[in-house]
Amino acid sequence: MCETKIEIQRELLQEILSSIPEVRKVYFQPPESRMLEYPCIIYELSDMSTLYSDNSRYLSFPEYTVTVIDKNPESIIQKRMMDLSSDCHVDFNRFFTSDNLNHWVYTLVFSKALW
């Protein structure tokens, strides 16, 4: 099976996020009906940052929205997100609570272009 560059990079992101010791599960775009195990991380492709040269695409960087969800308001996971691999750049976006769960939302962009 031939994988695209974005599939390979997404699998790398799955590995990076799964390597955080305190995380129980990592989900890529789970359906709303899926029961989640906490603490967890949910991520989804949210944008494609693109650089152009001579009116054509020069470099593309996938951008992901990554949400850490934990019952603990002082979760160590949210702190570890800022220390992820040098393969990606992480920015904190916002925090909110819902259903007695704490949500930390980040924007993650890979440092290496897809093409």
N, C-alpha and C. Protein backbone atom coordinates (compact mmCIF):
# COMPACT_ATOMS: atom_id res chain seq x y z
N MET A 1 0.84 -1.18 0.00
CA MET A 1 0.00 0.00 0.00
C MET A 1 0.89 1.25 0.00
N CYS A 2 0.66 2.12 -0.93
CA CYS A 2 1.45 3.35 -1.06
C CYS A 2 0.82 4.46 -0.22
N GLU A 3 1.57 4.98 0.74
CA GLU A 3 1.06 6.05 1.60
C GLU A 3 1.49 7.40 1.06
N THR A 4 0.63 8.37 1.23
CA THR A 4 0.96 9.73 0.83
C THR A 4 1.86 10.36 1.89
N LYS A 5 2.48 11.47 1.56
CA LYS A 5 3.34 12.17 2.52
C LYS A 5 2.56 12.63 3.74
N ILE A 6 1.33 13.08 3.53
CA ILE A 6 0.54 13.55 4.67
C ILE A 6 0.14 12.38 5.57
N GLU A 7 -0.09 11.20 5.01
CA GLU A 7 -0.40 10.02 5.83
C GLU A 7 0.81 9.61 6.65
N ILE A 8 1.97 9.65 6.05
CA ILE A 8 3.21 9.31 6.77
C ILE A 8 3.44 10.30 7.90
N GLN A 9 3.24 11.58 7.63
CA GLN A 9 3.45 12.59 8.66
C GLN A 9 2.39 12.48 9.77
N ARG A 10 1.18 12.15 9.41
CA ARG A 10 0.14 11.96 10.42
C ARG A 10 0.46 10.77 11.32
N GLU A 11 0.98 9.71 10.75
CA GLU A 11 1.40 8.56 11.55
C GLU A 11 2.53 8.92 12.50
N LEU A 12 3.43 9.77 12.03
CA LEU A 12 4.51 10.26 12.89
C LEU A 12 3.92 11.06 14.05
N LEU A 13 2.94 11.91 13.77
CA LEU A 13 2.29 12.68 14.82
C LEU A 13 1.60 11.75 15.81
N GLN A 14 0.95 10.71 15.32
CA GLN A 14 0.30 9.72 16.20
C GLN A 14 1.34 9.11 17.15
N GLU A 15 2.51 8.77 16.63
CA GLU A 15 3.59 8.20 17.45
C GLU A 15 4.09 9.20 18.48
N ILE A 16 4.28 10.44 18.06
CA ILE A 16 4.79 11.49 18.97
C ILE A 16 3.81 11.69 20.12
N LEU A 17 2.52 11.84 19.81
CA LEU A 17 1.51 12.08 20.84
C LEU A 17 1.32 10.85 21.73
N SER A 18 1.40 9.67 21.15
CA SER A 18 1.25 8.44 21.93
C SER A 18 2.42 8.20 22.86
N SER A 19 3.55 8.82 22.58
CA SER A 19 4.75 8.63 23.41
C SER A 19 4.69 9.41 24.72
N ILE A 20 3.72 10.29 24.88
CA ILE A 20 3.57 11.01 26.15
C ILE A 20 3.05 10.00 27.18
N PRO A 21 3.84 9.71 28.23
CA PRO A 21 3.53 8.60 29.14
C PRO A 21 2.16 8.64 29.80
N GLU A 22 1.65 9.79 30.16
CA GLU A 22 0.40 9.88 30.91
C GLU A 22 -0.85 9.76 30.05
N VAL A 23 -0.69 9.77 28.75
CA VAL A 23 -1.84 9.74 27.84
C VAL A 23 -2.36 8.31 27.71
N ARG A 24 -3.66 8.14 27.92
CA ARG A 24 -4.27 6.81 27.77
C ARG A 24 -4.52 6.47 26.32
N LYS A 25 -5.11 7.42 25.59
CA LYS A 25 -5.48 7.20 24.19
C LYS A 25 -5.21 8.44 23.37
N VAL A 26 -4.91 8.23 22.09
CA VAL A 26 -4.75 9.32 21.13
C VAL A 26 -5.71 9.01 19.99
N TYR A 27 -6.56 9.99 19.68
CA TYR A 27 -7.59 9.80 18.66
C TYR A 27 -7.39 10.79 17.52
N PHE A 28 -7.50 10.29 16.30
CA PHE A 28 -7.48 11.15 15.11
C PHE A 28 -8.91 11.31 14.63
N GLN A 29 -9.43 12.52 14.74
CA GLN A 29 -10.78 12.84 14.28
C GLN A 29 -11.82 11.79 14.67
N PRO A 30 -12.00 11.52 15.97
CA PRO A 30 -12.96 10.48 16.35
C PRO A 30 -14.40 10.92 16.10
N PRO A 31 -15.28 9.99 15.78
CA PRO A 31 -16.69 10.35 15.62
C PRO A 31 -17.28 10.76 16.97
N GLU A 32 -18.29 11.60 16.96
CA GLU A 32 -18.90 12.08 18.20
C GLU A 32 -19.47 10.94 19.04
N SER A 33 -19.87 9.86 18.42
CA SER A 33 -20.49 8.76 19.14
C SER A 33 -19.48 7.89 19.88
N ARG A 34 -18.21 8.09 19.63
CA ARG A 34 -17.17 7.26 20.24
C ARG A 34 -16.96 7.63 21.70
N MET A 35 -16.93 6.62 22.56
CA MET A 35 -16.64 6.83 23.97
C MET A 35 -15.13 7.01 24.13
N LEU A 36 -14.74 8.11 24.74
CA LEU A 36 -13.32 8.41 24.90
C LEU A 36 -12.83 7.97 26.27
N GLU A 37 -11.56 7.57 26.32
CA GLU A 37 -10.91 7.24 27.58
C GLU A 37 -10.02 8.42 27.97
N TYR A 38 -10.16 8.89 29.21
CA TYR A 38 -9.41 10.05 29.67
C TYR A 38 -8.30 9.63 30.61
N PRO A 39 -7.19 10.33 30.63
CA PRO A 39 -6.84 11.49 29.80
C PRO A 39 -6.52 11.05 28.37
N CYS A 40 -6.85 11.92 27.44
CA CYS A 40 -6.62 11.59 26.04
C CYS A 40 -6.22 12.83 25.26
N ILE A 41 -5.83 12.56 24.01
CA ILE A 41 -5.52 13.62 23.05
C ILE A 41 -6.33 13.36 21.80
N ILE A 42 -6.96 14.41 21.31
CA ILE A 42 -7.69 14.35 20.04
C ILE A 42 -7.00 15.32 19.10
N TYR A 43 -6.76 14.89 17.87
CA TYR A 43 -6.16 15.81 16.91
C TYR A 43 -6.83 15.67 15.56
N GLU A 44 -6.76 16.76 14.81
CA GLU A 44 -7.36 16.78 13.47
C GLU A 44 -6.58 17.75 12.59
N LEU A 45 -6.58 17.45 11.32
CA LEU A 45 -5.97 18.36 10.35
C LEU A 45 -6.85 19.59 10.26
N SER A 46 -6.26 20.77 10.46
CA SER A 46 -7.09 21.98 10.47
C SER A 46 -6.73 22.97 9.37
N ASP A 47 -5.52 22.88 8.85
CA ASP A 47 -5.12 23.84 7.83
C ASP A 47 -3.86 23.32 7.14
N MET A 48 -3.53 23.95 6.04
CA MET A 48 -2.29 23.65 5.34
C MET A 48 -1.60 24.98 5.08
N SER A 49 -0.52 25.22 5.81
CA SER A 49 0.24 26.45 5.59
C SER A 49 1.09 26.25 4.34
N THR A 50 0.98 27.18 3.42
CA THR A 50 1.65 27.02 2.13
C THR A 50 2.47 28.26 1.80
N LEU A 51 3.67 28.03 1.32
CA LEU A 51 4.53 29.11 0.83
C LEU A 51 4.58 29.02 -0.69
N TYR A 52 4.51 30.18 -1.35
CA TYR A 52 4.50 30.21 -2.80
C TYR A 52 5.74 30.92 -3.34
N SER A 53 6.15 30.48 -4.52
CA SER A 53 7.25 31.12 -5.22
C SER A 53 6.94 31.06 -6.71
N ASP A 54 7.10 32.17 -7.40
CA ASP A 54 6.79 32.24 -8.84
C ASP A 54 5.38 31.74 -9.15
N ASN A 55 4.42 32.14 -8.32
CA ASN A 55 3.01 31.79 -8.49
C ASN A 55 2.71 30.29 -8.44
N SER A 56 3.56 29.53 -7.80
CA SER A 56 3.26 28.11 -7.61
C SER A 56 3.64 27.70 -6.19
N ARG A 57 3.02 26.60 -5.72
CA ARG A 57 3.28 26.13 -4.37
C ARG A 57 4.74 25.72 -4.25
N TYR A 58 5.40 26.24 -3.23
CA TYR A 58 6.80 25.95 -2.99
C TYR A 58 6.96 24.96 -1.84
N LEU A 59 6.31 25.23 -0.72
CA LEU A 59 6.35 24.37 0.46
C LEU A 59 4.96 24.31 1.10
N SER A 60 4.61 23.16 1.66
CA SER A 60 3.35 23.02 2.39
C SER A 60 3.62 22.36 3.74
N PHE A 61 3.02 22.93 4.76
CA PHE A 61 3.16 22.43 6.12
C PHE A 61 1.77 22.14 6.68
N PRO A 62 1.44 20.87 7.00
CA PRO A 62 0.14 20.59 7.59
C PRO A 62 0.05 21.17 8.99
N GLU A 63 -1.11 21.70 9.31
CA GLU A 63 -1.35 22.28 10.62
C GLU A 63 -2.47 21.47 11.29
N TYR A 64 -2.23 21.08 12.52
CA TYR A 64 -3.19 20.26 13.26
C TYR A 64 -3.70 21.01 14.48
N THR A 65 -4.96 20.78 14.82
CA THR A 65 -5.51 21.22 16.10
C THR A 65 -5.42 20.02 17.02
N VAL A 66 -4.75 20.20 18.15
CA VAL A 66 -4.53 19.12 19.11
C VAL A 66 -5.18 19.53 20.42
N THR A 67 -6.04 18.68 20.95
CA THR A 67 -6.74 18.97 22.20
C THR A 67 -6.40 17.91 23.24
N VAL A 68 -5.86 18.36 24.36
CA VAL A 68 -5.61 17.49 25.51
C VAL A 68 -6.85 17.57 26.40
N ILE A 69 -7.40 16.43 26.77
CA ILE A 69 -8.58 16.39 27.63
C ILE A 69 -8.24 15.55 28.86
N ASP A 70 -8.45 16.15 30.02
CA ASP A 70 -8.10 15.48 31.27
C ASP A 70 -9.04 15.96 32.38
N LYS A 71 -9.34 15.07 33.31
CA LYS A 71 -10.15 15.45 34.47
C LYS A 71 -9.34 16.32 35.43
N ASN A 72 -8.04 16.14 35.43
CA ASN A 72 -7.15 16.87 36.33
C ASN A 72 -6.87 18.27 35.77
N PRO A 73 -7.23 19.33 36.50
CA PRO A 73 -6.99 20.69 36.00
C PRO A 73 -5.51 21.08 35.97
N GLU A 74 -4.66 20.29 36.63
CA GLU A 74 -3.22 20.56 36.62
C GLU A 74 -2.48 19.44 35.90
N SER A 75 -3.07 18.92 34.88
CA SER A 75 -2.52 17.79 34.13
C SER A 75 -1.10 18.07 33.65
N ILE A 76 -0.24 17.09 33.83
CA ILE A 76 1.14 17.20 33.34
C ILE A 76 1.17 17.09 31.81
N ILE A 77 0.16 16.48 31.23
CA ILE A 77 0.13 16.30 29.77
C ILE A 77 0.16 17.63 29.06
N GLN A 78 -0.63 18.58 29.55
CA GLN A 78 -0.68 19.89 28.88
C GLN A 78 0.68 20.58 28.96
N LYS A 79 1.45 20.31 30.00
CA LYS A 79 2.79 20.90 30.10
C LYS A 79 3.75 20.22 29.13
N ARG A 80 3.59 18.91 28.96
CA ARG A 80 4.47 18.15 28.06
C ARG A 80 4.24 18.50 26.58
N MET A 81 3.06 18.99 26.26
CA MET A 81 2.77 19.36 24.87
C MET A 81 3.74 20.42 24.37
N MET A 82 4.12 21.33 25.23
CA MET A 82 5.01 22.41 24.82
C MET A 82 6.45 21.94 24.64
N ASP A 83 6.75 20.73 25.09
CA ASP A 83 8.09 20.17 24.98
C ASP A 83 8.20 19.05 23.95
N LEU A 84 7.31 19.04 23.00
CA LEU A 84 7.31 17.97 22.01
C LEU A 84 8.55 18.02 21.12
N SER A 85 8.66 17.01 20.30
CA SER A 85 9.77 16.81 19.39
C SER A 85 10.12 18.06 18.57
N SER A 86 11.36 18.12 18.16
CA SER A 86 11.80 19.23 17.31
C SER A 86 11.21 19.14 15.90
N ASP A 87 10.50 18.04 15.61
CA ASP A 87 9.85 17.88 14.30
C ASP A 87 8.63 18.78 14.14
N CYS A 88 8.17 19.38 15.24
CA CYS A 88 6.97 20.18 15.15
C CYS A 88 7.05 21.41 16.06
N HIS A 89 6.24 22.38 15.71
CA HIS A 89 6.15 23.63 16.46
C HIS A 89 4.76 23.66 17.10
N VAL A 90 4.70 23.89 18.42
CA VAL A 90 3.44 23.85 19.15
C VAL A 90 3.15 25.21 19.77
N ASP A 91 1.93 25.71 19.56
CA ASP A 91 1.46 26.95 20.18
C ASP A 91 0.19 26.67 20.97
N PHE A 92 0.13 27.19 22.19
CA PHE A 92 -1.08 27.09 22.98
C PHE A 92 -2.12 28.02 22.38
N ASN A 93 -3.35 27.52 22.25
CA ASN A 93 -4.41 28.30 21.63
C ASN A 93 -5.42 28.80 22.66
N ARG A 94 -6.00 27.87 23.44
CA ARG A 94 -7.01 28.26 24.43
C ARG A 94 -7.24 27.12 25.42
N PHE A 95 -7.95 27.45 26.49
CA PHE A 95 -8.34 26.49 27.51
C PHE A 95 -9.84 26.64 27.75
N PHE A 96 -10.53 25.52 27.98
CA PHE A 96 -11.93 25.59 28.38
C PHE A 96 -12.29 24.32 29.13
N THR A 97 -13.39 24.38 29.87
CA THR A 97 -13.92 23.20 30.54
C THR A 97 -15.29 22.89 29.97
N SER A 98 -15.58 21.59 29.91
CA SER A 98 -16.87 21.12 29.43
C SER A 98 -17.13 19.77 30.07
N ASP A 99 -18.32 19.58 30.61
CA ASP A 99 -18.69 18.32 31.26
C ASP A 99 -17.68 17.90 32.32
N ASN A 100 -17.21 18.86 33.09
CA ASN A 100 -16.23 18.62 34.15
C ASN A 100 -14.90 18.06 33.64
N LEU A 101 -14.61 18.33 32.38
CA LEU A 101 -13.33 17.93 31.79
C LEU A 101 -12.58 19.19 31.36
N ASN A 102 -11.28 19.17 31.55
CA ASN A 102 -10.43 20.30 31.16
C ASN A 102 -9.89 20.05 29.76
N HIS A 103 -9.94 21.09 28.93
CA HIS A 103 -9.49 20.99 27.54
C HIS A 103 -8.42 22.06 27.27
N TRP A 104 -7.26 21.62 26.82
CA TRP A 104 -6.20 22.52 26.39
C TRP A 104 -6.06 22.34 24.88
N VAL A 105 -6.19 23.41 24.14
CA VAL A 105 -6.17 23.33 22.67
C VAL A 105 -4.88 23.97 22.17
N TYR A 106 -4.21 23.24 21.28
CA TYR A 106 -2.93 23.68 20.71
C TYR A 106 -3.02 23.67 19.19
N THR A 107 -2.17 24.46 18.58
CA THR A 107 -1.95 24.39 17.15
C THR A 107 -0.56 23.81 16.95
N LEU A 108 -0.47 22.77 16.15
CA LEU A 108 0.79 22.08 15.90
C LEU A 108 1.09 22.12 14.42
N VAL A 109 2.29 22.58 14.07
CA VAL A 109 2.73 22.62 12.67
C VAL A 109 4.05 21.90 12.58
N PHE A 110 4.16 21.00 11.61
CA PHE A 110 5.42 20.29 11.41
C PHE A 110 6.48 21.23 10.87
N SER A 111 7.71 21.04 11.32
CA SER A 111 8.83 21.88 10.89
C SER A 111 9.30 21.52 9.49
N LYS A 112 9.06 20.29 9.08
CA LYS A 112 9.49 19.83 7.77
C LYS A 112 8.33 19.89 6.79
N ALA A 113 8.56 20.47 5.66
CA ALA A 113 7.51 20.60 4.64
C ALA A 113 7.17 19.25 4.03
N LEU A 114 5.93 19.12 3.56
CA LEU A 114 5.51 17.90 2.87
C LEU A 114 6.06 17.85 1.45
N TRP A 115 6.04 18.97 0.77
CA TRP A 115 6.52 19.05 -0.62
C TRP A 115 6.88 20.45 -0.94
